[in-house]
PDB file of N, CA and C in Angstrom:
ATOM      1  N   MET A   1     -28.591  18.917 -29.889  1.00  0.00           N
ATOM      2  CA  MET A   1     -27.519  18.023 -29.523  1.00  0.00           C
ATOM      3  C   MET A   1     -27.220  17.041 -30.658  1.00  0.00           C
ATOM      4  N   ILE A   2     -28.256  16.511 -31.274  1.00  0.00           N
ATOM      5  CA  ILE A   2     -28.064  15.555 -32.367  1.00  0.00           C
ATOM      6  C   ILE A   2     -27.359  16.204 -33.559  1.00  0.00           C
ATOM      7  N   PRO A   3     -27.726  17.427 -33.968  1.00  0.00           N
ATOM      8  CA  PRO A   3     -26.990  18.028 -35.099  1.00  0.00           C
ATOM      9  C   PRO A   3     -25.502  18.213 -34.810  1.00  0.00           C
ATOM     10  N   LEU A   4     -25.154  18.394 -33.525  1.00  0.00           N
ATOM     11  CA  LEU A   4     -23.745  18.537 -33.184  1.00  0.00           C
ATOM     12  C   LEU A   4     -22.976  17.251 -33.501  1.00  0.00           C
ATOM     13  N   LEU A   5     -23.606  16.089 -33.290  1.00  0.00           N
ATOM     14  CA  LEU A   5     -22.933  14.830 -33.577  1.00  0.00           C
ATOM     15  C   LEU A   5     -22.681  14.612 -35.065  1.00  0.00           C
ATOM     16  N   PHE A   6     -23.503  15.224 -35.888  1.00  0.00           N
ATOM     17  CA  PHE A   6     -23.334  15.065 -37.336  1.00  0.00           C
ATOM     18  C   PHE A   6     -22.353  16.064 -37.931  1.00  0.00           C
ATOM     19  N   SER A   7     -21.904  17.014 -37.147  1.00  0.00           N
ATOM     20  CA  SER A   7     -20.904  17.956 -37.641  1.00  0.00           C
ATOM     21  C   SER A   7     -19.522  17.317 -37.468  1.00  0.00           C
ATOM     22  N   PRO A   8     -18.533  17.761 -38.225  1.00  0.00           N
ATOM     23  CA  PRO A   8     -17.189  17.174 -38.107  1.00  0.00           C
ATOM     24  C   PRO A   8     -16.604  17.343 -36.702  1.00  0.00           C
ATOM     25  N   LEU A   9     -16.804  18.495 -36.123  1.00  0.00           N
ATOM     26  CA  LEU A   9     -16.290  18.731 -34.773  1.00  0.00           C
ATOM     27  C   LEU A   9     -17.013  17.839 -33.758  1.00  0.00           C
ATOM     28  N   GLY A  10     -18.296  17.670 -33.931  1.00  0.00           N
ATOM     29  CA  GLY A  10     -19.083  16.840 -33.015  1.00  0.00           C
ATOM     30  C   GLY A  10     -18.656  15.380 -33.059  1.00  0.00           C
ATOM     31  N   ARG A  11     -18.322  14.897 -34.237  1.00  0.00           N
ATOM     32  CA  ARG A  11     -17.856  13.515 -34.352  1.00  0.00           C
ATOM     33  C   ARG A  11     -16.543  13.316 -33.584  1.00  0.00           C
ATOM     34  N   TYR A  12     -15.647  14.273 -33.696  1.00  0.00           N
ATOM     35  CA  TYR A  12     -14.381  14.171 -32.976  1.00  0.00           C
ATOM     36  C   TYR A  12     -14.587  14.228 -31.459  1.00  0.00           C
ATOM     37  N   VAL A  13     -15.510  15.064 -31.036  1.00  0.00           N
ATOM     38  CA  VAL A  13     -15.825  15.153 -29.608  1.00  0.00           C
ATOM     39  C   VAL A  13     -16.440  13.833 -29.136  1.00  0.00           C
ATOM     40  N   ALA A  14     -17.325  13.258 -29.906  1.00  0.00           N
ATOM     41  CA  ALA A  14     -17.956  11.990 -29.538  1.00  0.00           C
ATOM     42  C   ALA A  14     -16.925  10.868 -29.506  1.00  0.00           C
ATOM     43  N   ILE A  15     -16.037  10.829 -30.488  1.00  0.00           N
ATOM     44  CA  ILE A  15     -14.990   9.805 -30.515  1.00  0.00           C
ATOM     45  C   ILE A  15     -14.066   9.968 -29.313  1.00  0.00           C
ATOM     46  N   ALA A  16     -13.709  11.209 -28.999  1.00  0.00           N
ATOM     47  CA  ALA A  16     -12.850  11.465 -27.842  1.00  0.00           C
ATOM     48  C   ALA A  16     -13.543  11.023 -26.551  1.00  0.00           C
ATOM     49  N   PHE A  17     -14.838  11.294 -26.443  1.00  0.00           N
ATOM     50  CA  PHE A  17     -15.593  10.885 -25.257  1.00  0.00           C
ATOM     51  C   PHE A  17     -15.632   9.361 -25.134  1.00  0.00           C
ATOM     52  N   VAL A  18     -15.865   8.675 -26.237  1.00  0.00           N
ATOM     53  CA  VAL A  18     -15.903   7.210 -26.219  1.00  0.00           C
ATOM     54  C   VAL A  18     -14.529   6.643 -25.855  1.00  0.00           C
ATOM     55  N   LEU A  19     -13.470   7.182 -26.421  1.00  0.00           N
ATOM     56  CA  LEU A  19     -12.125   6.708 -26.110  1.00  0.00           C
ATOM     57  C   LEU A  19     -11.764   6.963 -24.644  1.00  0.00           C
ATOM     58  N   LEU A  20     -12.164   8.117 -24.126  1.00  0.00           N
ATOM     59  CA  LEU A  20     -11.907   8.429 -22.728  1.00  0.00           C
ATOM     60  C   LEU A  20     -12.679   7.483 -21.814  1.00  0.00           C
ATOM     61  N   ALA A  21     -13.936   7.234 -22.133  1.00  0.00           N
ATOM     62  CA  ALA A  21     -14.735   6.309 -21.333  1.00  0.00           C
ATOM     63  C   ALA A  21     -14.144   4.900 -21.394  1.00  0.00           C
ATOM     64  N   LEU A  22     -13.683   4.494 -22.546  1.00  0.00           N
ATOM     65  CA  LEU A  22     -13.060   3.182 -22.702  1.00  0.00           C
ATOM     66  C   LEU A  22     -11.766   3.090 -21.894  1.00  0.00           C
ATOM     67  N   ALA A  23     -10.942   4.127 -21.930  1.00  0.00           N
ATOM     68  CA  ALA A  23      -9.691   4.138 -21.175  1.00  0.00           C
ATOM     69  C   ALA A  23      -9.961   4.088 -19.675  1.00  0.00           C
ATOM     70  N   ILE A  24     -10.953   4.822 -19.212  1.00  0.00           N
ATOM     71  CA  ILE A  24     -11.308   4.805 -17.783  1.00  0.00           C
ATOM     72  C   ILE A  24     -11.814   3.422 -17.391  1.00  0.00           C
ATOM     73  N   GLY A  25     -12.620   2.814 -18.233  1.00  0.00           N
ATOM     74  CA  GLY A  25     -13.119   1.469 -17.956  1.00  0.00           C
ATOM     75  C   GLY A  25     -12.008   0.450 -17.886  1.00  0.00           C
ATOM     76  N   VAL A  26     -11.059   0.516 -18.798  1.00  0.00           N
ATOM     77  CA  VAL A  26      -9.921  -0.406 -18.802  1.00  0.00           C
ATOM     78  C   VAL A  26      -9.066  -0.195 -17.557  1.00  0.00           C
ATOM     79  N   TYR A  27      -8.862   1.064 -17.169  1.00  0.00           N
ATOM     80  CA  TYR A  27      -8.086   1.371 -15.968  1.00  0.00           C
ATOM     81  C   TYR A  27      -8.717   0.743 -14.734  1.00  0.00           C
ATOM     82  N   TYR A  28     -10.018   0.937 -14.550  1.00  0.00           N
ATOM     83  CA  TYR A  28     -10.683   0.388 -13.371  1.00  0.00           C
ATOM     84  C   TYR A  28     -10.736  -1.139 -13.403  1.00  0.00           C
ATOM     85  N   LYS A  29     -10.827  -1.728 -14.568  1.00  0.00           N
ATOM     86  CA  LYS A  29     -10.814  -3.190 -14.687  1.00  0.00           C
ATOM     87  C   LYS A  29      -9.446  -3.749 -14.286  1.00  0.00           C
ATOM     88  N   ILE A  30      -8.387  -3.149 -14.774  1.00  0.00           N
ATOM     89  CA  ILE A  30      -7.038  -3.581 -14.429  1.00  0.00           C
ATOM     90  C   ILE A  30      -6.792  -3.384 -12.942  1.00  0.00           C
ATOM     91  N   ARG A  31      -7.252  -2.262 -12.404  1.00  0.00           N
ATOM     92  CA  ARG A  31      -7.074  -1.978 -10.982  1.00  0.00           C
ATOM     93  C   ARG A  31      -7.817  -3.003 -10.123  1.00  0.00           C
ATOM     94  N   ALA A  32      -9.040  -3.318 -10.487  1.00  0.00           N
ATOM     95  CA  ALA A  32      -9.822  -4.302  -9.727  1.00  0.00           C
ATOM     96  C   ALA A  32      -9.180  -5.683  -9.799  1.00  0.00           C
ATOM     97  N   ASP A  33      -8.666  -6.056 -10.965  1.00  0.00           N
ATOM     98  CA  ASP A  33      -7.986  -7.354 -11.101  1.00  0.00           C
ATOM     99  C   ASP A  33      -6.713  -7.408 -10.257  1.00  0.00           C
ATOM    100  N   ALA A  34      -5.969  -6.313 -10.208  1.00  0.00           N
ATOM    101  CA  ALA A  34      -4.742  -6.275  -9.418  1.00  0.00           C
ATOM    102  C   ALA A  34      -5.062  -6.384  -7.931  1.00  0.00           C
ATOM    103  N   ILE A  35      -6.097  -5.705  -7.481  1.00  0.00           N
ATOM    104  CA  ILE A  35      -6.496  -5.789  -6.072  1.00  0.00           C
ATOM    105  C   ILE A  35      -6.928  -7.209  -5.733  1.00  0.00           C
ATOM    106  N   ALA A  36      -7.693  -7.825  -6.599  1.00  0.00           N
ATOM    107  CA  ALA A  36      -8.141  -9.200  -6.363  1.00  0.00           C
ATOM    108  C   ALA A  36      -6.949 -10.154  -6.330  1.00  0.00           C
ATOM    109  N   GLU A  37      -5.978  -9.944  -7.189  1.00  0.00           N
ATOM    110  CA  GLU A  37      -4.795 -10.809  -7.216  1.00  0.00           C
ATOM    111  C   GLU A  37      -3.973 -10.662  -5.939  1.00  0.00           C
ATOM    112  N   ILE A  38      -3.817  -9.438  -5.457  1.00  0.00           N
ATOM    113  CA  ILE A  38      -3.063  -9.206  -4.223  1.00  0.00           C
ATOM    114  C   ILE A  38      -3.789  -9.822  -3.031  1.00  0.00           C
ATOM    115  N   GLU A  39      -5.110  -9.661  -2.979  1.00  0.00           N
ATOM    116  CA  GLU A  39      -5.877 -10.260  -1.885  1.00  0.00           C
ATOM    117  C   GLU A  39      -5.813 -11.783  -1.928  1.00  0.00           C
ATOM    118  N   ALA A  40      -5.849 -12.365  -3.121  1.00  0.00           N
ATOM    119  CA  ALA A  40      -5.754 -13.820  -3.250  1.00  0.00           C
ATOM    120  C   ALA A  40      -4.381 -14.308  -2.798  1.00  0.00           C
ATOM    121  N   ALA A  41      -3.338 -13.579  -3.143  1.00  0.00           N
ATOM    122  CA  ALA A  41      -1.992 -13.968  -2.722  1.00  0.00           C
ATOM    123  C   ALA A  41      -1.859 -13.869  -1.206  1.00  0.00           C
ATOM    124  N   ALA A  42      -2.424 -12.826  -0.611  1.00  0.00           N
ATOM    125  CA  ALA A  42      -2.358 -12.674   0.847  1.00  0.00           C
ATOM    126  C   ALA A  42      -3.136 -13.783   1.544  1.00  0.00           C
ATOM    127  N   THR A  43      -4.288 -14.136   1.000  1.00  0.00           N
ATOM    128  CA  THR A  43      -5.084 -15.219   1.578  1.00  0.00           C
ATOM    129  C   THR A  43      -4.351 -16.550   1.457  1.00  0.00           C
ATOM    130  N   ALA A  44      -3.746 -16.807   0.314  1.00  0.00           N
ATOM    131  CA  ALA A  44      -2.990 -18.048   0.122  1.00  0.00           C
ATOM    132  C   ALA A  44      -1.800 -18.107   1.073  1.00  0.00           C
ATOM    133  N   ASP A  45      -1.132 -16.975   1.291  1.00  0.00           N
ATOM    134  CA  ASP A  45      -0.005 -16.940   2.206  1.00  0.00           C
ATOM    135  C   ASP A  45      -0.462 -17.206   3.644  1.00  0.00           C
ATOM    136  N   ALA A  46      -1.563 -16.599   4.050  1.00  0.00           N
ATOM    137  CA  ALA A  46      -2.083 -16.834   5.398  1.00  0.00           C
ATOM    138  C   ALA A  46      -2.501 -18.288   5.577  1.00  0.00           C
ATOM    139  N   LEU A  47      -3.103 -18.862   4.561  1.00  0.00           N
ATOM    140  CA  LEU A  47      -3.505 -20.265   4.631  1.00  0.00           C
ATOM    141  C   LEU A  47      -2.281 -21.180   4.704  1.00  0.00           C
ATOM    142  N   ARG A  48      -1.257 -20.866   3.924  1.00  0.00           N
ATOM    143  CA  ARG A  48      -0.034 -21.660   3.958  1.00  0.00           C
ATOM    144  C   ARG A  48       0.624 -21.578   5.326  1.00  0.00           C
ATOM    145  N   ARG A  49       0.685 -20.385   5.901  1.00  0.00           N
ATOM    146  CA  ARG A  49       1.279 -20.223   7.228  1.00  0.00           C
ATOM    147  C   ARG A  49       0.480 -20.976   8.283  1.00  0.00           C
ATOM    148  N   THR A  50      -0.828 -20.928   8.182  1.00  0.00           N
ATOM    149  CA  THR A  50      -1.672 -21.639   9.140  1.00  0.00           C
ATOM    150  C   THR A  50      -1.467 -23.142   9.019  1.00  0.00           C
ATOM    151  N   GLN A  51      -1.422 -23.650   7.800  1.00  0.00           N
ATOM    152  CA  GLN A  51      -1.198 -25.084   7.606  1.00  0.00           C
ATOM    153  C   GLN A  51       0.187 -25.497   8.096  1.00  0.00           C
ATOM    154  N   ASP A  52       1.191 -24.674   7.866  1.00  0.00           N
ATOM    155  CA  ASP A  52       2.534 -24.984   8.364  1.00  0.00           C
ATOM    156  C   ASP A  52       2.555 -25.006   9.891  1.00  0.00           C
ATOM    157  N   ALA A  53       1.840 -24.082  10.519  1.00  0.00           N
ATOM    158  CA  ALA A  53       1.788 -24.056  11.984  1.00  0.00           C
ATOM    159  C   ALA A  53       1.065 -25.284  12.525  1.00  0.00           C
ATOM    160  N   ILE A  54       0.016 -25.703  11.843  1.00  0.00           N
ATOM    161  CA  ILE A  54      -0.712 -26.903  12.277  1.00  0.00           C
ATOM    162  C   ILE A  54       0.174 -28.131  12.131  1.00  0.00           C
ATOM    163  N   ARG A  55       0.886 -28.239  11.012  1.00  0.00           N
ATOM    164  CA  ARG A  55       1.789 -29.370  10.811  1.00  0.00           C
ATOM    165  C   ARG A  55       2.906 -29.374  11.851  1.00  0.00           C
ATOM    166  N   ALA A  56       3.472 -28.206  12.136  1.00  0.00           N
ATOM    167  CA  ALA A  56       4.549 -28.113  13.120  1.00  0.00           C
ATOM    168  C   ALA A  56       4.026 -28.439  14.514  1.00  0.00           C
ATOM    169  N   GLY A  57       2.811 -28.045  14.807  1.00  0.00           N
ATOM    170  CA  GLY A  57       2.223 -28.343  16.106  1.00  0.00           C
ATOM    171  C   GLY A  57       1.980 -29.820  16.283  1.00  0.00           C
ATOM    172  N   GLY A  58       1.653 -30.512  15.227  1.00  0.00           N
ATOM    173  CA  GLY A  58       1.429 -31.951  15.296  1.00  0.00           C
ATOM    174  C   GLY A  58       2.719 -32.735  15.439  1.00  0.00           C
ATOM    175  N   ALA A  59       3.851 -32.132  15.110  1.00  0.00           N
ATOM    176  CA  ALA A  59       5.137 -32.827  15.176  1.00  0.00           C
ATOM    177  C   ALA A  59       5.822 -32.651  16.526  1.00  0.00           C
ATOM    178  N   ILE A  60       5.201 -31.958  17.462  1.00  0.00           N
ATOM    179  CA  ILE A  60       5.815 -31.716  18.765  1.00  0.00           C
ATOM    180  C   ILE A  60       5.740 -32.983  19.617  1.00  0.00           C
ATOM    181  N   ASP A  61       6.834 -33.285  20.271  1.00  0.00           N
ATOM    182  CA  ASP A  61       6.881 -34.429  21.190  1.00  0.00           C
ATOM    183  C   ASP A  61       6.291 -33.989  22.526  1.00  0.00           C
ATOM    184  N   LEU A  62       5.162 -34.532  22.884  1.00  0.00           N
ATOM    185  CA  LEU A  62       4.463 -34.125  24.098  1.00  0.00           C
ATOM    186  C   LEU A  62       4.637 -35.102  25.252  1.00  0.00           C
ATOM    187  N   SER A  63       5.612 -35.981  25.155  1.00  0.00           N
ATOM    188  CA  SER A  63       5.794 -36.965  26.227  1.00  0.00           C
ATOM    189  C   SER A  63       6.330 -36.280  27.483  1.00  0.00           C
ATOM    190  N   PRO A  64       5.963 -36.781  28.684  1.00  0.00           N
ATOM    191  CA  PRO A  64       6.446 -36.165  29.930  1.00  0.00           C
ATOM    192  C   PRO A  64       7.951 -36.337  30.130  1.00  0.00           C
ATOM    193  N   ASP A  65       8.561 -37.325  29.496  1.00  0.00           N
ATOM    194  CA  ASP A  65       9.997 -37.541  29.634  1.00  0.00           C
ATOM    195  C   ASP A  65      10.819 -36.491  28.887  1.00  0.00           C
ATOM    196  N   ARG A  66      10.182 -35.712  28.081  1.00  0.00           N
ATOM    197  CA  ARG A  66      10.866 -34.743  27.236  1.00  0.00           C
ATOM    198  C   ARG A  66      11.586 -33.672  28.059  1.00  0.00           C
ATOM    199  N   LEU A  67      11.144 -33.387  29.277  1.00  0.00           N
ATOM    200  CA  LEU A  67      11.775 -32.348  30.088  1.00  0.00           C
ATOM    201  C   LEU A  67      13.223 -32.690  30.413  1.00  0.00           C
ATOM    202  N   ARG A  68      13.524 -33.960  30.540  1.00  0.00           N
ATOM    203  CA  ARG A  68      14.883 -34.365  30.908  1.00  0.00           C
ATOM    204  C   ARG A  68      15.730 -34.722  29.686  1.00  0.00           C
ATOM    205  N   LYS A  69      15.144 -34.710  28.521  1.00  0.00           N
ATOM    206  CA  LYS A  69      15.871 -35.094  27.298  1.00  0.00           C
ATOM    207  C   LYS A  69      16.832 -33.971  26.901  1.00  0.00           C
ATOM    208  N   PRO A  70      18.079 -34.290  26.577  1.00  0.00           N
ATOM    209  CA  PRO A  70      19.014 -33.230  26.150  1.00  0.00           C
ATOM    210  C   PRO A  70      18.606 -32.699  24.766  1.00  0.00           C
ATOM    211  N   ASP A  71      18.704 -31.411  24.623  1.00  0.00           N
ATOM    212  CA  ASP A  71      18.294 -30.798  23.352  1.00  0.00           C
ATOM    213  C   ASP A  71      19.467 -30.349  22.497  1.00  0.00           C
ATOM    214  N   GLY A  72      20.694 -30.618  22.947  1.00  0.00           N
ATOM    215  CA  GLY A  72      21.860 -30.278  22.121  1.00  0.00           C
ATOM    216  C   GLY A  72      22.455 -28.938  22.452  1.00  0.00           C
ATOM    217  N   HIS A  73      21.857 -28.166  23.347  1.00  0.00           N
ATOM    218  CA  HIS A  73      22.423 -26.864  23.728  1.00  0.00           C
ATOM    219  C   HIS A  73      23.183 -27.036  25.030  1.00  0.00           C
ATOM    220  N   ASN A  74      24.361 -26.469  25.077  1.00  0.00           N
ATOM    221  CA  ASN A  74      25.168 -26.534  26.303  1.00  0.00           C
ATOM    222  C   ASN A  74      24.808 -25.374  27.209  1.00  0.00           C
ATOM    223  N   ARG A  75      24.382 -25.700  28.389  1.00  0.00           N
ATOM    224  CA  ARG A  75      24.038 -24.669  29.366  1.00  0.00           C
ATOM    225  C   ARG A  75      24.922 -24.892  30.584  1.00  0.00           C
ATOM    226  N   ASP A  76      25.697 -23.921  30.914  1.00  0.00           N
ATOM    227  CA  ASP A  76      26.591 -24.064  32.078  1.00  0.00           C
ATOM    228  C   ASP A  76      26.047 -23.325  33.277  1.00  0.00           C
TER     229      ASP A  76
END
């Protein structure tokens, strides 16, 4: 196996193997980063929606007189 690496053909095969391994490694690294970025964006969106719902819930008028208050819609 070692003499094959010292031959001209063996060097090209070894270089091709290293380049292929490097390309596969870069592909999986980019893929993992993209998945992490998408998951982070989804988590941030869910957190933003939850915070907006909490803020909106705190702004609700819970007084008992609210049932008789006009809301601006005409109902005939």
